[in-house]
């Protein structure tokens, strides 16, 4: 049974177990998205945990307001996206920009580790250097598998804007990562 079918059953019966199942099914996806958007590491795990809890509580509290105009997953990701942006606003900052020297220092520290760990860290850092809007577009379409139209519904913009954001993010990532590969 899909999430949308499960929601339809919940809407008809209001059985708490069905709502619990919807939350359980979406926990990992919401967690992965929030963690990727905020770039938090294990030392700041409580921030991600709190944000995920806020998202899922909002889903539970507002499930009756979901009209079904979009897929349930789209609605849930929209709540998650809004919560992450609110987190950035609450902190009066965006994710810090990583300067080239900082990125090189991270890469230098990781030279003694396997290449795959170094490359993963380099990619993670490059992604975190993207603005939240560009990062969200990349994560939603590339990692989470949403279509540009679905990602646009989540982000509250047009599909054309999502296409532009993904293009811009890929261009920036390519430029950032190309510097690393040109030096090898």
C-alpha atoms as a PDB file:
ATOM      1  CA  UNK A   1       0.000   0.000   0.000  1.00  0.00           C
ATOM      2  CA  UNK A   2       1.357   3.416  -0.950  1.00  0.00           C
ATOM      3  CA  UNK A   3       1.537   6.356   1.428  1.00  0.00           C
ATOM      4  CA  UNK A   4      -1.308   8.023  -0.455  1.00  0.00           C
ATOM      5  CA  UNK A   5      -3.477   4.914  -0.088  1.00  0.00           C
ATOM      6  CA  UNK A   6      -2.568   4.674   3.584  1.00  0.00           C
ATOM      7  CA  UNK A   7      -3.513   8.334   4.035  1.00  0.00           C
ATOM      8  CA  UNK A   8      -6.870   7.711   2.314  1.00  0.00           C
ATOM      9  CA  UNK A   9      -7.542   4.877   4.760  1.00  0.00           C
ATOM     10  CA  UNK A  10      -6.544   7.126   7.671  1.00  0.00           C
ATOM     11  CA  UNK A  11      -8.769   9.947   6.436  1.00  0.00           C
ATOM     12  CA  UNK A  12     -11.705   7.543   6.313  1.00  0.00           C
ATOM     13  CA  UNK A  13     -11.106   5.739   9.628  1.00  0.00           C
ATOM     14  CA  UNK A  14      -8.945   8.119  11.736  1.00  0.00           C
ATOM     15  CA  UNK A  15      -7.156   5.077  13.168  1.00  0.00           C
ATOM     16  CA  UNK A  16      -4.063   6.310  15.056  1.00  0.00           C
ATOM     17  CA  UNK A  17      -2.114   3.225  13.967  1.00  0.00           C
ATOM     18  CA  UNK A  18      -2.409   4.324  10.323  1.00  0.00           C
ATOM     19  CA  UNK A  19      -1.052   7.768  11.145  1.00  0.00           C
ATOM     20  CA  UNK A  20       1.774   6.161  13.121  1.00  0.00           C
ATOM     21  CA  UNK A  21       2.599   4.050  10.079  1.00  0.00           C
ATOM     22  CA  UNK A  22       2.713   7.115   7.816  1.00  0.00           C
ATOM     23  CA  UNK A  23       5.135   8.812  10.197  1.00  0.00           C
ATOM     24  CA  UNK A  24       7.267   5.675  10.476  1.00  0.00           C
ATOM     25  CA  UNK A  25       7.439   5.284   6.691  1.00  0.00           C
ATOM     26  CA  UNK A  26       8.541   8.862   6.156  1.00  0.00           C
ATOM     27  CA  UNK A  27      10.969   9.247   9.057  1.00  0.00           C
ATOM     28  CA  UNK A  28      14.114   8.122   7.201  1.00  0.00           C
ATOM     29  CA  UNK A  29      13.391  10.267   4.139  1.00  0.00           C
ATOM     30  CA  UNK A  30      12.674  13.351   6.233  1.00  0.00           C
ATOM     31  CA  UNK A  31      15.745  12.718   8.372  1.00  0.00           C
ATOM     32  CA  UNK A  32      18.026  12.303   5.341  1.00  0.00           C
ATOM     33  CA  UNK A  33      16.647  15.461   3.719  1.00  0.00           C
ATOM     34  CA  UNK A  34      16.928  17.613   6.855  1.00  0.00           C
ATOM     35  CA  UNK A  35      20.438  16.336   7.614  1.00  0.00           C
ATOM     36  CA  UNK A  36      21.547  16.988   4.033  1.00  0.00           C
ATOM     37  CA  UNK A  37      20.055  20.465   3.995  1.00  0.00           C
ATOM     38  CA  UNK A  38      21.569  21.528   7.296  1.00  0.00           C
ATOM     39  CA  UNK A  39      24.885  19.765   6.800  1.00  0.00           C
ATOM     40  CA  UNK A  40      24.983  18.731  10.427  1.00  0.00           C
ATOM     41  CA  UNK A  41      27.517  16.200  11.597  1.00  0.00           C
ATOM     42  CA  UNK A  42      27.167  13.828  14.539  1.00  0.00           C
ATOM     43  CA  UNK A  43      28.433  16.462  16.986  1.00  0.00           C
ATOM     44  CA  UNK A  44      25.329  18.537  16.229  1.00  0.00           C
ATOM     45  CA  UNK A  45      22.942  15.609  15.921  1.00  0.00           C
ATOM     46  CA  UNK A  46      20.453  17.145  18.330  1.00  0.00           C
ATOM     47  CA  UNK A  47      19.756  20.001  15.886  1.00  0.00           C
ATOM     48  CA  UNK A  48      18.816  17.565  13.123  1.00  0.00           C
ATOM     49  CA  UNK A  49      16.813  15.454  15.579  1.00  0.00           C
ATOM     50  CA  UNK A  50      14.888  18.519  16.771  1.00  0.00           C
ATOM     51  CA  UNK A  51      14.139  19.691  13.239  1.00  0.00           C
ATOM     52  CA  UNK A  52      12.958  16.234  12.164  1.00  0.00           C
ATOM     53  CA  UNK A  53      10.769  16.023  15.241  1.00  0.00           C
ATOM     54  CA  UNK A  54       9.290  19.450  14.416  1.00  0.00           C
ATOM     55  CA  UNK A  55       8.555  18.323  10.856  1.00  0.00           C
ATOM     56  CA  UNK A  56       6.883  15.086  11.892  1.00  0.00           C
ATOM     57  CA  UNK A  57       4.873  16.791  14.642  1.00  0.00           C
ATOM     58  CA  UNK A  58       3.700  19.322  12.092  1.00  0.00           C
ATOM     59  CA  UNK A  59       2.655  16.481   9.789  1.00  0.00           C
ATOM     60  CA  UNK A  60       0.646  14.850  12.587  1.00  0.00           C
ATOM     61  CA  UNK A  61      -0.922  18.118  13.759  1.00  0.00           C
ATOM     62  CA  UNK A  62      -1.848  19.246  10.262  1.00  0.00           C
ATOM     63  CA  UNK A  63      -2.721  15.966   8.549  1.00  0.00           C
ATOM     64  CA  UNK A  64      -6.396  16.953   8.486  1.00  0.00           C
ATOM     65  CA  UNK A  65      -5.480  20.046   6.450  1.00  0.00           C
ATOM     66  CA  UNK A  66      -3.837  17.954   3.704  1.00  0.00           C
ATOM     67  CA  UNK A  67      -6.258  18.158   0.786  1.00  0.00           C
ATOM     68  CA  UNK A  68      -4.591  15.622  -1.467  1.00  0.00           C
ATOM     69  CA  UNK A  69      -3.916  18.085  -4.282  1.00  0.00           C
ATOM     70  CA  UNK A  70      -0.399  16.663  -4.456  1.00  0.00           C
ATOM     71  CA  UNK A  71       1.249  13.461  -3.313  1.00  0.00           C
ATOM     72  CA  UNK A  72       1.537  13.099   0.438  1.00  0.00           C
ATOM     73  CA  UNK A  73       5.333  12.916   0.106  1.00  0.00           C
ATOM     74  CA  UNK A  74       5.338  16.281  -1.672  1.00  0.00           C
ATOM     75  CA  UNK A  75       3.358  17.825   1.173  1.00  0.00           C
ATOM     76  CA  UNK A  76       5.680  16.316   3.804  1.00  0.00           C
ATOM     77  CA  UNK A  77       8.827  17.515   1.992  1.00  0.00           C
ATOM     78  CA  UNK A  78       7.277  20.983   1.726  1.00  0.00           C
ATOM     79  CA  UNK A  79       6.851  21.033   5.504  1.00  0.00           C
ATOM     80  CA  UNK A  80      10.462  19.835   5.917  1.00  0.00           C
ATOM     81  CA  UNK A  81      11.799  22.406   3.473  1.00  0.00           C
ATOM     82  CA  UNK A  82       9.914  25.225   5.195  1.00  0.00           C
ATOM     83  CA  UNK A  83      11.175  24.114   8.617  1.00  0.00           C
ATOM     84  CA  UNK A  84      14.796  24.054   7.459  1.00  0.00           C
ATOM     85  CA  UNK A  85      14.485  27.527   5.916  1.00  0.00           C
ATOM     86  CA  UNK A  86      12.888  28.776   9.134  1.00  0.00           C
ATOM     87  CA  UNK A  87      15.815  27.271  11.055  1.00  0.00           C
ATOM     88  CA  UNK A  88      18.230  29.265   8.900  1.00  0.00           C
ATOM     89  CA  UNK A  89      16.174  32.432   9.437  1.00  0.00           C
ATOM     90  CA  UNK A  90      15.987  31.829  13.191  1.00  0.00           C
ATOM     91  CA  UNK A  91      19.750  31.647  13.338  1.00  0.00           C
ATOM     92  CA  UNK A  92      20.038  34.813  11.233  1.00  0.00           C
ATOM     93  CA  UNK A  93      22.511  33.076   9.004  1.00  0.00           C
ATOM     94  CA  UNK A  94      22.798  30.719   6.134  1.00  0.00           C
ATOM     95  CA  UNK A  95      25.133  27.762   6.075  1.00  0.00           C
ATOM     96  CA  UNK A  96      28.643  29.243   6.159  1.00  0.00           C
ATOM     97  CA  UNK A  97      30.513  29.487   2.910  1.00  0.00           C
ATOM     98  CA  UNK A  98      33.549  27.241   2.725  1.00  0.00           C
ATOM     99  CA  UNK A  99      36.540  29.128   1.440  1.00  0.00           C
ATOM    100  CA  UNK A 100      38.917  27.422  -0.964  1.00  0.00           C
ATOM    101  CA  UNK A 101      41.676  27.349   1.678  1.00  0.00           C
ATOM    102  CA  UNK A 102      39.351  25.624   4.163  1.00  0.00           C
ATOM    103  CA  UNK A 103      38.357  23.048   1.566  1.00  0.00           C
ATOM    104  CA  UNK A 104      41.997  22.355   0.735  1.00  0.00           C
ATOM    105  CA  UNK A 105      42.799  21.969   4.438  1.00  0.00           C
ATOM    106  CA  UNK A 106      40.021  19.390   4.778  1.00  0.00           C
ATOM    107  CA  UNK A 107      41.313  17.535   1.745  1.00  0.00           C
ATOM    108  CA  UNK A 108      44.898  17.683   3.056  1.00  0.00           C
ATOM    109  CA  UNK A 109      43.839  16.260   6.429  1.00  0.00           C
ATOM    110  CA  UNK A 110      42.108  13.407   4.680  1.00  0.00           C
ATOM    111  CA  UNK A 111      44.971  12.446   2.361  1.00  0.00           C
ATOM    112  CA  UNK A 112      45.864   9.539   4.658  1.00  0.00           C
ATOM    113  CA  UNK A 113      42.360   8.047   4.380  1.00  0.00           C
ATOM    114  CA  UNK A 114      41.046   5.993   1.472  1.00  0.00           C
ATOM    115  CA  UNK A 115      40.278   7.974  -1.685  1.00  0.00           C
ATOM    116  CA  UNK A 116      36.569   7.296  -1.409  1.00  0.00           C
ATOM    117  CA  UNK A 117      36.363   9.020   1.992  1.00  0.00           C
ATOM    118  CA  UNK A 118      38.295  12.008   0.708  1.00  0.00           C
ATOM    119  CA  UNK A 119      36.096  12.327  -2.348  1.00  0.00           C
ATOM    120  CA  UNK A 120      32.923  11.960  -0.273  1.00  0.00           C
ATOM    121  CA  UNK A 121      34.073  14.693   2.105  1.00  0.00           C
ATOM    122  CA  UNK A 122      35.030  16.925  -0.801  1.00  0.00           C
ATOM    123  CA  UNK A 123      31.617  16.455  -2.408  1.00  0.00           C
ATOM    124  CA  UNK A 124      29.820  16.977   0.921  1.00  0.00           C
ATOM    125  CA  UNK A 125      31.693  20.228   1.465  1.00  0.00           C
ATOM    126  CA  UNK A 126      30.994  21.418  -2.073  1.00  0.00           C
ATOM    127  CA  UNK A 127      27.280  20.681  -1.654  1.00  0.00           C
ATOM    128  CA  UNK A 128      27.198  22.532   1.658  1.00  0.00           C
ATOM    129  CA  UNK A 129      28.707  25.559  -0.094  1.00  0.00           C
ATOM    130  CA  UNK A 130      25.574  25.833  -2.243  1.00  0.00           C
ATOM    131  CA  UNK A 131      22.811  28.146  -1.115  1.00  0.00           C
ATOM    132  CA  UNK A 132      19.928  26.371   0.621  1.00  0.00           C
ATOM    133  CA  UNK A 133      17.680  26.853  -2.431  1.00  0.00           C
ATOM    134  CA  UNK A 134      20.232  25.321  -4.823  1.00  0.00           C
ATOM    135  CA  UNK A 135      21.011  22.541  -2.345  1.00  0.00           C
ATOM    136  CA  UNK A 136      17.305  21.733  -1.922  1.00  0.00           C
ATOM    137  CA  UNK A 137      16.752  21.569  -5.685  1.00  0.00           C
ATOM    138  CA  UNK A 138      19.710  19.184  -6.096  1.00  0.00           C
ATOM    139  CA  UNK A 139      18.753  16.991  -3.144  1.00  0.00           C
ATOM    140  CA  UNK A 140      15.080  16.779  -4.043  1.00  0.00           C
ATOM    141  CA  UNK A 141      15.632  15.872  -7.695  1.00  0.00           C
ATOM    142  CA  UNK A 142      18.904  13.969  -7.613  1.00  0.00           C
ATOM    143  CA  UNK A 143      18.910  12.236  -4.225  1.00  0.00           C
ATOM    144  CA  UNK A 144      15.216  11.994  -3.346  1.00  0.00           C
ATOM    145  CA  UNK A 145      14.064  11.335  -6.927  1.00  0.00           C
ATOM    146  CA  UNK A 146      11.330  13.956  -7.178  1.00  0.00           C
ATOM    147  CA  UNK A 147      10.443  15.281 -10.624  1.00  0.00           C
ATOM    148  CA  UNK A 148      11.109  18.984 -11.228  1.00  0.00           C
ATOM    149  CA  UNK A 149       7.357  19.586 -10.966  1.00  0.00           C
ATOM    150  CA  UNK A 150       7.173  17.824  -7.595  1.00  0.00           C
ATOM    151  CA  UNK A 151      10.273  19.630  -6.349  1.00  0.00           C
ATOM    152  CA  UNK A 152       8.708  22.923  -7.462  1.00  0.00           C
ATOM    153  CA  UNK A 153       5.591  22.147  -5.431  1.00  0.00           C
ATOM    154  CA  UNK A 154       7.772  21.429  -2.408  1.00  0.00           C
ATOM    155  CA  UNK A 155       9.867  24.567  -2.825  1.00  0.00           C
ATOM    156  CA  UNK A 156       6.983  26.843  -3.788  1.00  0.00           C
ATOM    157  CA  UNK A 157       8.359  27.872  -7.153  1.00  0.00           C
ATOM    158  CA  UNK A 158       8.004  26.881 -10.808  1.00  0.00           C
ATOM    159  CA  UNK A 159       9.430  23.772 -12.459  1.00  0.00           C
ATOM    160  CA  UNK A 160      11.490  26.080 -14.677  1.00  0.00           C
ATOM    161  CA  UNK A 161      13.016  27.588 -11.550  1.00  0.00           C
ATOM    162  CA  UNK A 162      13.902  24.108 -10.273  1.00  0.00           C
ATOM    163  CA  UNK A 163      15.538  23.300 -13.615  1.00  0.00           C
ATOM    164  CA  UNK A 164      17.576  26.508 -13.359  1.00  0.00           C
ATOM    165  CA  UNK A 165      18.554  25.811  -9.733  1.00  0.00           C
ATOM    166  CA  UNK A 166      19.690  22.279 -10.570  1.00  0.00           C
ATOM    167  CA  UNK A 167      21.660  23.563 -13.559  1.00  0.00           C
ATOM    168  CA  UNK A 168      23.263  26.301 -11.457  1.00  0.00           C
ATOM    169  CA  UNK A 169      24.065  23.868  -8.633  1.00  0.00           C
ATOM    170  CA  UNK A 170      25.645  21.367 -11.032  1.00  0.00           C
ATOM    171  CA  UNK A 171      27.691  24.122 -12.658  1.00  0.00           C
ATOM    172  CA  UNK A 172      28.947  25.337  -9.284  1.00  0.00           C
ATOM    173  CA  UNK A 173      29.728  21.793  -8.111  1.00  0.00           C
ATOM    174  CA  UNK A 174      31.569  21.034 -11.337  1.00  0.00           C
ATOM    175  CA  UNK A 175      33.671  24.186 -10.987  1.00  0.00           C
ATOM    176  CA  UNK A 176      34.396  23.471  -7.326  1.00  0.00           C
ATOM    177  CA  UNK A 177      35.316  19.832  -7.843  1.00  0.00           C
ATOM    178  CA  UNK A 178      37.225  20.440 -11.073  1.00  0.00           C
ATOM    179  CA  UNK A 179      39.795  22.444  -9.100  1.00  0.00           C
ATOM    180  CA  UNK A 180      40.515  19.347  -7.015  1.00  0.00           C
ATOM    181  CA  UNK A 181      40.882  17.048  -9.993  1.00  0.00           C
ATOM    182  CA  UNK A 182      43.035  19.509 -11.968  1.00  0.00           C
ATOM    183  CA  UNK A 183      45.576  19.474  -9.122  1.00  0.00           C
ATOM    184  CA  UNK A 184      45.896  15.669  -9.056  1.00  0.00           C
END
